[in-house]
């Protein structure tokens, strides 16, 4: 198995009891160093951490039976190229499992959430709609088995925590300026005195035929 953009390895560790060997890649050495520390702490033996960039991975074609990528694809500069690389390194019959931030098929919600995420993290590129995921996976050659959207109500602080003050101010301005219809679309609500709004996600499964 290959876990792309593994961060500190949590997805790889979750799969470790179920597969023979996992290569877990990321472009950030500090993340991989923490992953190695956690690996030793947990006593996991079948995960290897490798520095690699998703658009050009140092693996032979057809090397893996499973490729996973969790909560990272919205940072990829070229999603088409990234998916072609995932396709390349998968064996015939191999499975791609994506779990990532998403947006619904709604122009206002799409634009607003992507703007909020850019303000939260400048490395954000795009959260894709379910229909976009179907298209880009098919364009890369995958047979799309499932694309399952889901949503979680999260506090506004998920966007503002650790963010520079001017960006926090802009995030708060955007949310407070919403009219009632827009608030409804984003599921803006008060929970114990704190503003919450929906975050959309999806899980997608593709197969290399």
N, C-alpha and C. Protein backbone atom coordinates (compact mmCIF):
# COMPACT_ATOMS: atom_id res chain seq x y z
N UNK A 1 0.84 -1.20 0.00
CA UNK A 1 0.00 0.00 0.00
C UNK A 1 0.87 1.25 0.00
N UNK A 2 0.40 2.27 -0.68
CA UNK A 2 1.05 3.58 -0.67
C UNK A 2 0.08 4.58 -0.06
N UNK A 3 0.54 5.30 0.97
CA UNK A 3 -0.25 6.38 1.56
C UNK A 3 0.38 7.70 1.16
N UNK A 4 -0.31 8.44 0.30
CA UNK A 4 0.21 9.69 -0.26
C UNK A 4 -0.11 10.86 0.66
N UNK A 5 0.89 11.74 0.85
CA UNK A 5 0.72 12.91 1.72
C UNK A 5 0.28 12.46 3.11
N UNK A 6 1.06 11.57 3.68
CA UNK A 6 0.68 10.88 4.92
C UNK A 6 0.69 11.77 6.15
N UNK A 7 1.40 12.92 6.08
CA UNK A 7 1.53 13.73 7.29
C UNK A 7 2.34 12.97 8.33
N UNK A 8 1.76 12.72 9.50
CA UNK A 8 2.47 11.98 10.54
C UNK A 8 2.08 10.50 10.55
N UNK A 9 1.37 10.05 9.51
CA UNK A 9 1.19 8.62 9.31
C UNK A 9 -0.06 7.97 9.86
N UNK A 10 -1.03 8.76 10.29
CA UNK A 10 -2.19 8.17 10.97
C UNK A 10 -2.98 7.22 10.07
N UNK A 11 -3.15 7.56 8.79
CA UNK A 11 -3.87 6.66 7.88
C UNK A 11 -3.07 5.38 7.66
N UNK A 12 -1.77 5.52 7.49
CA UNK A 12 -0.92 4.34 7.32
C UNK A 12 -0.99 3.43 8.53
N UNK A 13 -0.97 4.01 9.72
CA UNK A 13 -1.04 3.21 10.94
C UNK A 13 -2.38 2.48 11.05
N UNK A 14 -3.46 3.13 10.60
CA UNK A 14 -4.78 2.50 10.66
C UNK A 14 -4.86 1.29 9.75
N UNK A 15 -4.16 1.35 8.60
CA UNK A 15 -4.18 0.23 7.65
C UNK A 15 -3.15 -0.84 7.99
N UNK A 16 -2.17 -0.51 8.81
CA UNK A 16 -1.04 -1.41 9.04
C UNK A 16 -1.42 -2.83 9.45
N UNK A 17 -2.45 -3.04 10.28
CA UNK A 17 -2.79 -4.42 10.64
C UNK A 17 -3.40 -5.22 9.49
N UNK A 18 -3.76 -4.55 8.41
CA UNK A 18 -4.55 -5.20 7.36
C UNK A 18 -3.79 -5.44 6.06
N UNK A 19 -2.57 -4.92 5.95
CA UNK A 19 -1.79 -5.08 4.73
C UNK A 19 -0.37 -5.53 5.08
N UNK A 20 0.33 -6.05 4.06
CA UNK A 20 1.68 -6.58 4.29
C UNK A 20 2.70 -5.47 4.50
N UNK A 21 2.66 -4.46 3.63
CA UNK A 21 3.69 -3.41 3.67
C UNK A 21 3.08 -2.09 3.22
N UNK A 22 3.48 -1.01 3.87
CA UNK A 22 2.99 0.33 3.52
C UNK A 22 4.17 1.27 3.34
N UNK A 23 4.17 1.99 2.23
CA UNK A 23 5.07 3.13 2.03
C UNK A 23 4.24 4.38 2.27
N UNK A 24 4.70 5.22 3.18
CA UNK A 24 3.97 6.45 3.53
C UNK A 24 4.82 7.64 3.12
N UNK A 25 4.29 8.49 2.22
CA UNK A 25 5.08 9.59 1.66
C UNK A 25 4.54 10.94 2.09
N UNK A 26 5.45 11.90 2.13
CA UNK A 26 5.09 13.29 2.37
C UNK A 26 6.25 14.15 1.89
N UNK A 27 6.00 15.45 1.70
CA UNK A 27 7.07 16.35 1.27
C UNK A 27 7.70 17.10 2.45
N UNK A 28 7.16 16.89 3.65
CA UNK A 28 7.61 17.66 4.81
C UNK A 28 8.42 16.78 5.75
N UNK A 29 9.74 16.98 5.83
CA UNK A 29 10.58 16.13 6.69
C UNK A 29 10.14 16.11 8.15
N UNK A 30 9.67 17.27 8.64
CA UNK A 30 9.26 17.33 10.05
C UNK A 30 8.07 16.42 10.32
N UNK A 31 7.13 16.34 9.37
CA UNK A 31 5.98 15.44 9.50
C UNK A 31 6.45 13.99 9.55
N UNK A 32 7.36 13.63 8.65
CA UNK A 32 7.84 12.26 8.60
C UNK A 32 8.65 11.90 9.84
N UNK A 33 9.39 12.86 10.38
CA UNK A 33 10.13 12.60 11.62
C UNK A 33 9.18 12.29 12.76
N UNK A 34 8.08 13.03 12.85
CA UNK A 34 7.08 12.76 13.88
C UNK A 34 6.41 11.41 13.62
N UNK A 35 6.16 11.09 12.35
CA UNK A 35 5.60 9.79 12.01
C UNK A 35 6.50 8.65 12.45
N UNK A 36 7.79 8.79 12.23
CA UNK A 36 8.73 7.75 12.66
C UNK A 36 8.73 7.60 14.18
N UNK A 37 8.61 8.72 14.89
CA UNK A 37 8.55 8.66 16.35
C UNK A 37 7.31 7.90 16.80
N UNK A 38 6.15 8.23 16.18
CA UNK A 38 4.91 7.56 16.53
C UNK A 38 4.96 6.08 16.16
N UNK A 39 5.57 5.76 15.04
CA UNK A 39 5.71 4.37 14.61
C UNK A 39 6.45 3.55 15.68
N UNK A 40 7.55 4.11 16.18
CA UNK A 40 8.31 3.41 17.22
C UNK A 40 7.50 3.28 18.50
N UNK A 41 6.80 4.35 18.83
CA UNK A 41 5.98 4.35 20.05
C UNK A 41 4.89 3.30 19.98
N UNK A 42 4.30 3.12 18.79
CA UNK A 42 3.21 2.17 18.61
C UNK A 42 3.70 0.75 18.31
N UNK A 43 4.98 0.60 18.05
CA UNK A 43 5.52 -0.71 17.75
C UNK A 43 5.11 -1.26 16.39
N UNK A 44 4.88 -0.35 15.44
CA UNK A 44 4.46 -0.76 14.08
C UNK A 44 5.70 -1.01 13.24
N UNK A 45 5.72 -2.15 12.53
CA UNK A 45 6.92 -2.56 11.81
C UNK A 45 6.79 -2.52 10.29
N UNK A 46 5.57 -2.45 9.78
CA UNK A 46 5.39 -2.59 8.32
C UNK A 46 5.08 -1.28 7.61
N UNK A 47 5.44 -0.14 8.22
CA UNK A 47 5.29 1.17 7.59
C UNK A 47 6.67 1.78 7.40
N UNK A 48 6.95 2.20 6.17
CA UNK A 48 8.21 2.89 5.86
C UNK A 48 7.89 4.29 5.36
N UNK A 49 8.56 5.29 5.92
CA UNK A 49 8.34 6.68 5.54
C UNK A 49 9.35 7.11 4.48
N UNK A 50 8.85 7.78 3.43
CA UNK A 50 9.69 8.21 2.31
C UNK A 50 9.30 9.64 1.92
N UNK A 51 10.28 10.50 1.75
CA UNK A 51 10.00 11.83 1.22
C UNK A 51 9.70 11.71 -0.27
N UNK A 52 8.54 12.21 -0.69
CA UNK A 52 8.17 12.13 -2.10
C UNK A 52 7.11 13.18 -2.41
N UNK A 53 7.16 13.70 -3.61
CA UNK A 53 6.22 14.71 -4.07
C UNK A 53 5.20 14.03 -4.97
N UNK A 54 3.92 14.29 -4.71
CA UNK A 54 2.84 13.51 -5.32
C UNK A 54 2.82 13.60 -6.84
N UNK A 55 3.30 14.71 -7.41
CA UNK A 55 3.23 14.87 -8.85
C UNK A 55 4.33 14.11 -9.59
N UNK A 56 5.32 13.59 -8.82
CA UNK A 56 6.43 12.85 -9.44
C UNK A 56 7.00 11.91 -8.39
N UNK A 57 6.40 10.74 -8.26
CA UNK A 57 6.76 9.83 -7.19
C UNK A 57 7.84 8.84 -7.64
N UNK A 58 8.78 8.50 -6.74
CA UNK A 58 9.94 7.68 -7.11
C UNK A 58 9.67 6.17 -7.02
N UNK A 59 8.55 5.74 -7.60
CA UNK A 59 8.19 4.33 -7.54
C UNK A 59 7.92 3.81 -8.96
N UNK A 60 8.20 2.54 -9.15
CA UNK A 60 7.96 1.94 -10.47
C UNK A 60 6.46 1.81 -10.72
N UNK A 61 6.09 1.76 -11.97
CA UNK A 61 4.69 1.56 -12.32
C UNK A 61 4.17 0.22 -11.83
N UNK A 62 2.93 0.22 -11.35
CA UNK A 62 2.30 -1.01 -10.91
C UNK A 62 2.83 -1.58 -9.61
N UNK A 63 3.48 -0.75 -8.79
CA UNK A 63 4.13 -1.25 -7.57
C UNK A 63 3.18 -1.53 -6.42
N UNK A 64 1.97 -0.95 -6.45
CA UNK A 64 1.10 -1.00 -5.29
C UNK A 64 -0.27 -1.58 -5.62
N UNK A 65 -0.86 -2.22 -4.63
CA UNK A 65 -2.22 -2.75 -4.75
C UNK A 65 -3.26 -1.74 -4.28
N UNK A 66 -2.86 -0.87 -3.36
CA UNK A 66 -3.76 0.14 -2.79
C UNK A 66 -3.01 1.46 -2.71
N UNK A 67 -3.65 2.54 -3.10
CA UNK A 67 -3.14 3.90 -2.85
C UNK A 67 -4.21 4.64 -2.07
N UNK A 68 -3.78 5.26 -0.96
CA UNK A 68 -4.70 6.07 -0.16
C UNK A 68 -4.19 7.50 -0.09
N UNK A 69 -5.13 8.41 0.09
CA UNK A 69 -4.79 9.83 0.27
C UNK A 69 -5.89 10.48 1.09
N UNK A 70 -5.57 10.90 2.29
CA UNK A 70 -6.59 11.42 3.20
C UNK A 70 -6.30 12.88 3.57
N UNK A 71 -7.30 13.72 3.35
CA UNK A 71 -7.31 15.13 3.76
C UNK A 71 -6.10 15.90 3.24
N UNK A 72 -5.70 15.62 2.01
CA UNK A 72 -4.52 16.30 1.45
C UNK A 72 -4.70 16.77 0.02
N UNK A 73 -5.61 16.16 -0.73
CA UNK A 73 -5.69 16.43 -2.17
C UNK A 73 -6.04 17.89 -2.47
N UNK A 74 -6.73 18.57 -1.54
CA UNK A 74 -7.07 19.98 -1.79
C UNK A 74 -5.85 20.89 -1.73
N UNK A 75 -4.69 20.34 -1.39
CA UNK A 75 -3.44 21.10 -1.40
C UNK A 75 -2.61 20.85 -2.67
N UNK A 76 -2.99 19.87 -3.48
CA UNK A 76 -2.18 19.52 -4.65
C UNK A 76 -2.30 20.58 -5.73
N UNK A 77 -1.16 21.04 -6.24
CA UNK A 77 -1.16 22.11 -7.23
C UNK A 77 -1.78 21.66 -8.56
N UNK A 78 -1.65 20.38 -8.87
CA UNK A 78 -2.19 19.86 -10.14
C UNK A 78 -2.87 18.53 -9.86
N UNK A 79 -4.16 18.55 -9.60
CA UNK A 79 -4.88 17.34 -9.22
C UNK A 79 -4.86 16.31 -10.34
N UNK A 80 -4.90 16.76 -11.59
CA UNK A 80 -4.88 15.82 -12.72
C UNK A 80 -3.55 15.06 -12.77
N UNK A 81 -2.46 15.77 -12.62
CA UNK A 81 -1.15 15.13 -12.65
C UNK A 81 -0.97 14.20 -11.45
N UNK A 82 -1.46 14.62 -10.28
CA UNK A 82 -1.36 13.79 -9.08
C UNK A 82 -2.11 12.47 -9.27
N UNK A 83 -3.31 12.54 -9.83
CA UNK A 83 -4.09 11.32 -10.04
C UNK A 83 -3.46 10.42 -11.11
N UNK A 84 -2.86 11.01 -12.12
CA UNK A 84 -2.16 10.20 -13.12
C UNK A 84 -0.99 9.45 -12.49
N UNK A 85 -0.30 10.09 -11.55
CA UNK A 85 0.79 9.42 -10.83
C UNK A 85 0.25 8.28 -9.97
N UNK A 86 -0.86 8.51 -9.29
CA UNK A 86 -1.46 7.45 -8.48
C UNK A 86 -1.90 6.28 -9.37
N UNK A 87 -2.45 6.59 -10.52
CA UNK A 87 -2.81 5.56 -11.48
C UNK A 87 -1.56 4.79 -11.93
N UNK A 88 -0.49 5.49 -12.22
CA UNK A 88 0.73 4.86 -12.73
C UNK A 88 1.29 3.84 -11.74
N UNK A 89 1.32 4.19 -10.45
CA UNK A 89 1.98 3.31 -9.48
C UNK A 89 1.07 2.17 -9.01
N UNK A 90 -0.21 2.20 -9.38
CA UNK A 90 -1.12 1.12 -9.02
C UNK A 90 -0.99 -0.05 -9.99
N UNK A 91 -1.10 -1.25 -9.44
CA UNK A 91 -1.17 -2.44 -10.28
C UNK A 91 -2.57 -2.55 -10.89
N UNK A 92 -2.70 -3.35 -11.92
CA UNK A 92 -4.02 -3.61 -12.51
C UNK A 92 -4.93 -4.22 -11.44
N UNK A 93 -6.12 -3.68 -11.33
CA UNK A 93 -7.04 -4.12 -10.29
C UNK A 93 -6.84 -3.41 -8.97
N UNK A 94 -5.82 -2.55 -8.90
CA UNK A 94 -5.53 -1.82 -7.66
C UNK A 94 -6.58 -0.78 -7.37
N UNK A 95 -6.65 -0.39 -6.10
CA UNK A 95 -7.69 0.53 -5.64
C UNK A 95 -7.10 1.85 -5.14
N UNK A 96 -7.74 2.92 -5.53
CA UNK A 96 -7.44 4.25 -5.02
C UNK A 96 -8.55 4.66 -4.07
N UNK A 97 -8.15 5.05 -2.86
CA UNK A 97 -9.12 5.51 -1.85
C UNK A 97 -8.76 6.95 -1.49
N UNK A 98 -9.67 7.86 -1.76
CA UNK A 98 -9.49 9.28 -1.45
C UNK A 98 -10.49 9.68 -0.36
N UNK A 99 -10.02 10.39 0.64
CA UNK A 99 -10.92 11.06 1.58
C UNK A 99 -10.42 12.48 1.71
N UNK A 100 -11.30 13.45 1.45
CA UNK A 100 -10.81 14.83 1.43
C UNK A 100 -11.94 15.81 1.70
N UNK A 101 -11.52 17.03 2.02
CA UNK A 101 -12.48 18.13 2.08
C UNK A 101 -13.15 18.27 0.73
N UNK A 102 -14.41 18.70 0.73
CA UNK A 102 -15.17 18.83 -0.50
C UNK A 102 -16.11 20.03 -0.37
N UNK A 103 -16.85 20.27 -1.43
CA UNK A 103 -17.92 21.27 -1.42
C UNK A 103 -19.12 20.68 -2.15
N UNK A 104 -20.33 21.10 -1.79
CA UNK A 104 -21.50 20.59 -2.50
C UNK A 104 -21.62 21.23 -3.88
N UNK A 105 -22.61 20.77 -4.63
CA UNK A 105 -22.85 21.27 -5.98
C UNK A 105 -23.64 22.59 -5.91
N UNK A 106 -23.02 23.59 -5.33
CA UNK A 106 -23.68 24.88 -5.09
C UNK A 106 -22.63 25.96 -5.28
N UNK A 107 -22.87 26.89 -6.20
CA UNK A 107 -21.86 27.90 -6.54
C UNK A 107 -21.49 28.77 -5.34
N UNK A 108 -22.49 29.21 -4.57
CA UNK A 108 -22.20 30.09 -3.44
C UNK A 108 -21.40 29.36 -2.37
N UNK A 109 -21.84 28.18 -1.98
CA UNK A 109 -21.14 27.42 -0.94
C UNK A 109 -19.73 27.08 -1.40
N UNK A 110 -19.59 26.66 -2.65
CA UNK A 110 -18.29 26.35 -3.23
C UNK A 110 -17.35 27.55 -3.10
N UNK A 111 -17.76 28.69 -3.58
CA UNK A 111 -16.89 29.87 -3.57
C UNK A 111 -16.57 30.32 -2.15
N UNK A 112 -17.56 30.29 -1.27
CA UNK A 112 -17.35 30.77 0.10
C UNK A 112 -16.41 29.88 0.87
N UNK A 113 -16.62 28.57 0.83
CA UNK A 113 -15.77 27.67 1.59
C UNK A 113 -14.34 27.66 1.07
N UNK A 114 -14.19 27.73 -0.25
CA UNK A 114 -12.83 27.77 -0.78
C UNK A 114 -12.13 29.07 -0.40
N UNK A 115 -12.88 30.17 -0.35
CA UNK A 115 -12.28 31.43 0.09
C UNK A 115 -11.89 31.37 1.56
N UNK A 116 -12.75 30.81 2.39
CA UNK A 116 -12.42 30.69 3.81
C UNK A 116 -11.19 29.83 4.03
N UNK A 117 -11.06 28.77 3.24
CA UNK A 117 -9.91 27.89 3.43
C UNK A 117 -8.61 28.52 2.94
N UNK A 118 -8.67 29.33 1.90
CA UNK A 118 -7.46 30.05 1.48
C UNK A 118 -7.02 31.02 2.58
N UNK A 119 -7.98 31.68 3.20
CA UNK A 119 -7.66 32.59 4.30
C UNK A 119 -7.09 31.83 5.49
N UNK A 120 -7.58 30.61 5.69
CA UNK A 120 -7.10 29.78 6.80
C UNK A 120 -5.71 29.24 6.53
N UNK A 121 -5.43 28.87 5.27
CA UNK A 121 -4.16 28.24 4.92
C UNK A 121 -3.85 28.56 3.46
N UNK A 122 -2.80 29.33 3.25
CA UNK A 122 -2.45 29.78 1.89
C UNK A 122 -2.05 28.64 0.97
N UNK A 123 -1.74 27.47 1.52
CA UNK A 123 -1.38 26.34 0.68
C UNK A 123 -2.60 25.62 0.10
N UNK A 124 -3.79 26.04 0.53
CA UNK A 124 -5.02 25.47 0.00
C UNK A 124 -5.14 25.81 -1.49
N UNK A 125 -5.51 24.81 -2.30
CA UNK A 125 -5.72 25.02 -3.73
C UNK A 125 -7.20 25.00 -4.07
N UNK A 126 -7.85 23.86 -3.83
CA UNK A 126 -9.29 23.78 -4.11
C UNK A 126 -9.91 22.57 -3.46
N UNK A 127 -11.07 22.77 -2.87
CA UNK A 127 -11.93 21.66 -2.46
C UNK A 127 -12.88 21.39 -3.63
N UNK A 128 -12.91 20.14 -4.09
CA UNK A 128 -13.65 19.82 -5.31
C UNK A 128 -15.04 19.28 -4.99
N UNK A 129 -15.97 19.55 -5.91
CA UNK A 129 -17.32 19.01 -5.81
C UNK A 129 -17.29 17.51 -6.12
N UNK A 130 -18.29 16.74 -5.65
CA UNK A 130 -18.36 15.33 -6.02
C UNK A 130 -18.30 15.11 -7.53
N UNK A 131 -19.00 15.94 -8.30
CA UNK A 131 -19.00 15.78 -9.76
C UNK A 131 -17.61 16.01 -10.33
N UNK A 132 -16.84 16.91 -9.73
CA UNK A 132 -15.47 17.15 -10.19
C UNK A 132 -14.58 15.95 -9.90
N UNK A 133 -14.79 15.34 -8.73
CA UNK A 133 -14.00 14.15 -8.40
C UNK A 133 -14.28 13.02 -9.39
N UNK A 134 -15.53 12.82 -9.72
CA UNK A 134 -15.86 11.79 -10.72
C UNK A 134 -15.12 12.08 -12.02
N UNK A 135 -15.17 13.34 -12.45
CA UNK A 135 -14.54 13.70 -13.73
C UNK A 135 -13.04 13.51 -13.71
N UNK A 136 -12.36 14.03 -12.67
CA UNK A 136 -10.89 13.96 -12.67
C UNK A 136 -10.39 12.53 -12.49
N UNK A 137 -11.13 11.73 -11.72
CA UNK A 137 -10.73 10.33 -11.57
C UNK A 137 -10.92 9.56 -12.89
N UNK A 138 -12.04 9.81 -13.55
CA UNK A 138 -12.26 9.16 -14.85
C UNK A 138 -11.25 9.63 -15.88
N UNK A 139 -10.92 10.92 -15.86
CA UNK A 139 -9.93 11.44 -16.80
C UNK A 139 -8.56 10.78 -16.60
N UNK A 140 -8.26 10.41 -15.34
CA UNK A 140 -6.99 9.74 -15.04
C UNK A 140 -7.03 8.26 -15.39
N UNK A 141 -8.21 7.75 -15.75
CA UNK A 141 -8.33 6.37 -16.16
C UNK A 141 -8.96 5.44 -15.15
N UNK A 142 -9.41 5.98 -14.01
CA UNK A 142 -10.01 5.14 -12.98
C UNK A 142 -11.46 4.79 -13.31
N UNK A 143 -11.85 3.60 -12.95
CA UNK A 143 -13.26 3.23 -12.92
C UNK A 143 -13.79 3.64 -11.55
N UNK A 144 -14.64 4.64 -11.51
CA UNK A 144 -15.12 5.19 -10.24
C UNK A 144 -16.21 4.27 -9.67
N UNK A 145 -15.95 3.72 -8.50
CA UNK A 145 -16.89 2.82 -7.85
C UNK A 145 -17.88 3.56 -6.96
N UNK A 146 -17.36 4.45 -6.13
CA UNK A 146 -18.23 5.22 -5.22
C UNK A 146 -17.64 6.61 -5.00
N UNK A 147 -18.53 7.57 -4.83
CA UNK A 147 -18.17 8.91 -4.35
C UNK A 147 -19.25 9.26 -3.32
N UNK A 148 -18.86 9.26 -2.05
CA UNK A 148 -19.82 9.42 -0.97
C UNK A 148 -19.56 10.72 -0.20
N UNK A 149 -20.38 11.75 -0.42
CA UNK A 149 -20.23 12.99 0.35
C UNK A 149 -20.74 12.82 1.78
N UNK A 150 -20.16 13.58 2.70
CA UNK A 150 -20.68 13.68 4.06
C UNK A 150 -20.30 15.04 4.62
N UNK A 151 -20.94 15.42 5.70
CA UNK A 151 -20.73 16.76 6.26
C UNK A 151 -20.59 16.68 7.77
N UNK A 152 -19.84 17.63 8.33
CA UNK A 152 -19.67 17.74 9.77
C UNK A 152 -19.85 19.20 10.16
N UNK A 153 -20.61 19.44 11.20
CA UNK A 153 -20.77 20.79 11.73
C UNK A 153 -19.57 21.09 12.63
N UNK A 154 -18.81 22.14 12.26
CA UNK A 154 -17.58 22.44 13.00
C UNK A 154 -17.57 23.91 13.41
N UNK A 155 -16.85 24.26 14.49
CA UNK A 155 -16.80 25.64 14.94
C UNK A 155 -16.03 26.53 13.97
N UNK A 156 -16.37 27.81 13.99
CA UNK A 156 -15.66 28.76 13.14
C UNK A 156 -14.18 28.79 13.49
N UNK A 157 -13.83 28.46 14.71
CA UNK A 157 -12.42 28.44 15.12
C UNK A 157 -11.60 27.44 14.32
N UNK A 158 -12.26 26.46 13.66
CA UNK A 158 -11.53 25.55 12.78
C UNK A 158 -10.90 26.31 11.62
N UNK A 159 -11.48 27.45 11.26
CA UNK A 159 -10.91 28.30 10.21
C UNK A 159 -9.94 29.34 10.78
N UNK A 160 -10.11 29.74 12.02
CA UNK A 160 -9.36 30.88 12.55
C UNK A 160 -8.20 30.51 13.46
N UNK A 161 -8.17 29.29 13.98
CA UNK A 161 -7.13 28.91 14.93
C UNK A 161 -5.75 28.98 14.30
N UNK A 162 -4.85 29.72 14.92
CA UNK A 162 -3.48 29.83 14.44
C UNK A 162 -3.29 30.68 13.20
N UNK A 163 -4.33 31.43 12.84
CA UNK A 163 -4.30 32.23 11.60
C UNK A 163 -3.96 33.68 11.93
N UNK A 164 -3.27 34.35 11.02
CA UNK A 164 -2.90 35.75 11.22
C UNK A 164 -4.14 36.62 11.42
N UNK A 165 -3.98 37.66 12.25
CA UNK A 165 -5.12 38.45 12.70
C UNK A 165 -5.92 39.07 11.55
N UNK A 166 -5.23 39.53 10.49
CA UNK A 166 -5.96 40.15 9.39
C UNK A 166 -6.84 39.12 8.65
N UNK A 167 -6.34 37.89 8.56
CA UNK A 167 -7.14 36.85 7.92
C UNK A 167 -8.30 36.41 8.82
N UNK A 168 -8.06 36.38 10.12
CA UNK A 168 -9.15 36.08 11.05
C UNK A 168 -10.26 37.12 10.90
N UNK A 169 -9.87 38.38 10.82
CA UNK A 169 -10.85 39.46 10.68
C UNK A 169 -11.66 39.29 9.39
N UNK A 170 -11.01 38.91 8.31
CA UNK A 170 -11.71 38.72 7.03
C UNK A 170 -12.63 37.50 7.10
N UNK A 171 -12.19 36.42 7.73
CA UNK A 171 -13.05 35.24 7.90
C UNK A 171 -14.30 35.62 8.68
N UNK A 172 -14.12 36.33 9.78
CA UNK A 172 -15.26 36.72 10.60
C UNK A 172 -16.17 37.69 9.86
N UNK A 173 -15.59 38.59 9.05
CA UNK A 173 -16.40 39.51 8.26
C UNK A 173 -17.28 38.76 7.27
N UNK A 174 -16.69 37.78 6.58
CA UNK A 174 -17.45 37.01 5.60
C UNK A 174 -18.64 36.32 6.26
N UNK A 175 -18.40 35.70 7.40
CA UNK A 175 -19.46 34.94 8.06
C UNK A 175 -20.54 35.85 8.63
N UNK A 176 -20.14 36.96 9.24
CA UNK A 176 -21.14 37.85 9.84
C UNK A 176 -21.95 38.61 8.79
N UNK A 177 -21.43 38.72 7.57
CA UNK A 177 -22.15 39.45 6.51
C UNK A 177 -23.13 38.57 5.74
N UNK A 178 -23.21 37.29 6.06
CA UNK A 178 -24.11 36.39 5.34
C UNK A 178 -25.57 36.75 5.59
N UNK A 179 -26.38 36.68 4.55
CA UNK A 179 -27.81 36.87 4.77
C UNK A 179 -28.43 35.54 5.19
N UNK A 180 -29.71 35.53 5.46
CA UNK A 180 -30.35 34.34 6.03
C UNK A 180 -30.28 33.15 5.08
N UNK A 181 -30.48 33.39 3.80
CA UNK A 181 -30.42 32.30 2.83
C UNK A 181 -29.01 31.71 2.75
N UNK A 182 -28.01 32.58 2.80
CA UNK A 182 -26.63 32.12 2.75
C UNK A 182 -26.25 31.37 4.02
N UNK A 183 -26.71 31.85 5.16
CA UNK A 183 -26.46 31.15 6.43
C UNK A 183 -27.07 29.76 6.41
N UNK A 184 -28.25 29.66 5.83
CA UNK A 184 -28.92 28.37 5.73
C UNK A 184 -28.12 27.42 4.82
N UNK A 185 -27.61 27.95 3.73
CA UNK A 185 -26.85 27.12 2.79
C UNK A 185 -25.58 26.56 3.44
N UNK A 186 -24.97 27.34 4.30
CA UNK A 186 -23.75 26.92 4.98
C UNK A 186 -24.03 26.26 6.33
N UNK A 187 -25.30 26.17 6.69
CA UNK A 187 -25.73 25.59 7.97
C UNK A 187 -25.09 26.32 9.16
N UNK A 188 -25.03 27.65 9.05
CA UNK A 188 -24.46 28.45 10.14
C UNK A 188 -25.41 28.41 11.32
N UNK A 189 -24.87 28.06 12.49
CA UNK A 189 -25.70 27.94 13.67
C UNK A 189 -24.87 28.26 14.91
N UNK A 190 -25.55 28.49 16.00
CA UNK A 190 -24.90 28.76 17.28
C UNK A 190 -24.94 27.50 18.13
N UNK A 191 -23.78 27.07 18.60
CA UNK A 191 -23.70 25.92 19.49
C UNK A 191 -22.96 26.34 20.75
N UNK A 192 -23.72 26.42 21.84
CA UNK A 192 -23.14 26.83 23.13
C UNK A 192 -22.40 28.16 23.03
N UNK A 193 -22.99 29.10 22.29
CA UNK A 193 -22.42 30.43 22.20
C UNK A 193 -21.32 30.59 21.17
N UNK A 194 -21.04 29.55 20.40
CA UNK A 194 -19.99 29.63 19.38
C UNK A 194 -20.58 29.34 18.00
N UNK A 195 -20.18 30.15 17.03
CA UNK A 195 -20.65 29.98 15.66
C UNK A 195 -20.08 28.68 15.06
N UNK A 196 -20.95 27.87 14.48
CA UNK A 196 -20.56 26.66 13.77
C UNK A 196 -21.08 26.74 12.33
N UNK A 197 -20.43 26.02 11.43
CA UNK A 197 -20.92 25.89 10.06
C UNK A 197 -20.47 24.55 9.50
N UNK A 198 -21.13 24.13 8.43
CA UNK A 198 -20.84 22.84 7.84
C UNK A 198 -19.48 22.83 7.14
N UNK A 199 -18.79 21.73 7.30
CA UNK A 199 -17.64 21.40 6.47
C UNK A 199 -18.03 20.14 5.70
N UNK A 200 -17.84 20.18 4.39
CA UNK A 200 -18.20 19.03 3.56
C UNK A 200 -16.96 18.20 3.24
N UNK A 201 -17.15 16.90 3.14
CA UNK A 201 -16.09 15.95 2.84
C UNK A 201 -16.63 14.93 1.84
N UNK A 202 -15.73 14.09 1.34
CA UNK A 202 -16.18 12.93 0.57
C UNK A 202 -15.15 11.83 0.65
N UNK A 203 -15.63 10.63 0.43
CA UNK A 203 -14.77 9.46 0.26
C UNK A 203 -15.04 8.91 -1.14
N UNK A 204 -13.96 8.68 -1.87
CA UNK A 204 -14.09 8.19 -3.25
C UNK A 204 -13.23 6.94 -3.43
N UNK A 205 -13.77 6.00 -4.20
CA UNK A 205 -13.05 4.76 -4.50
C UNK A 205 -12.98 4.58 -6.01
N UNK A 206 -11.76 4.40 -6.51
CA UNK A 206 -11.56 4.12 -7.92
C UNK A 206 -10.72 2.87 -8.12
N UNK A 207 -10.91 2.20 -9.24
CA UNK A 207 -10.18 0.98 -9.55
C UNK A 207 -9.45 1.14 -10.88
N UNK A 208 -8.23 0.63 -10.92
CA UNK A 208 -7.45 0.61 -12.16
C UNK A 208 -7.75 -0.69 -12.90
N UNK A 209 -8.37 -0.58 -14.05
CA UNK A 209 -8.70 -1.76 -14.85
C UNK A 209 -7.63 -2.03 -15.90
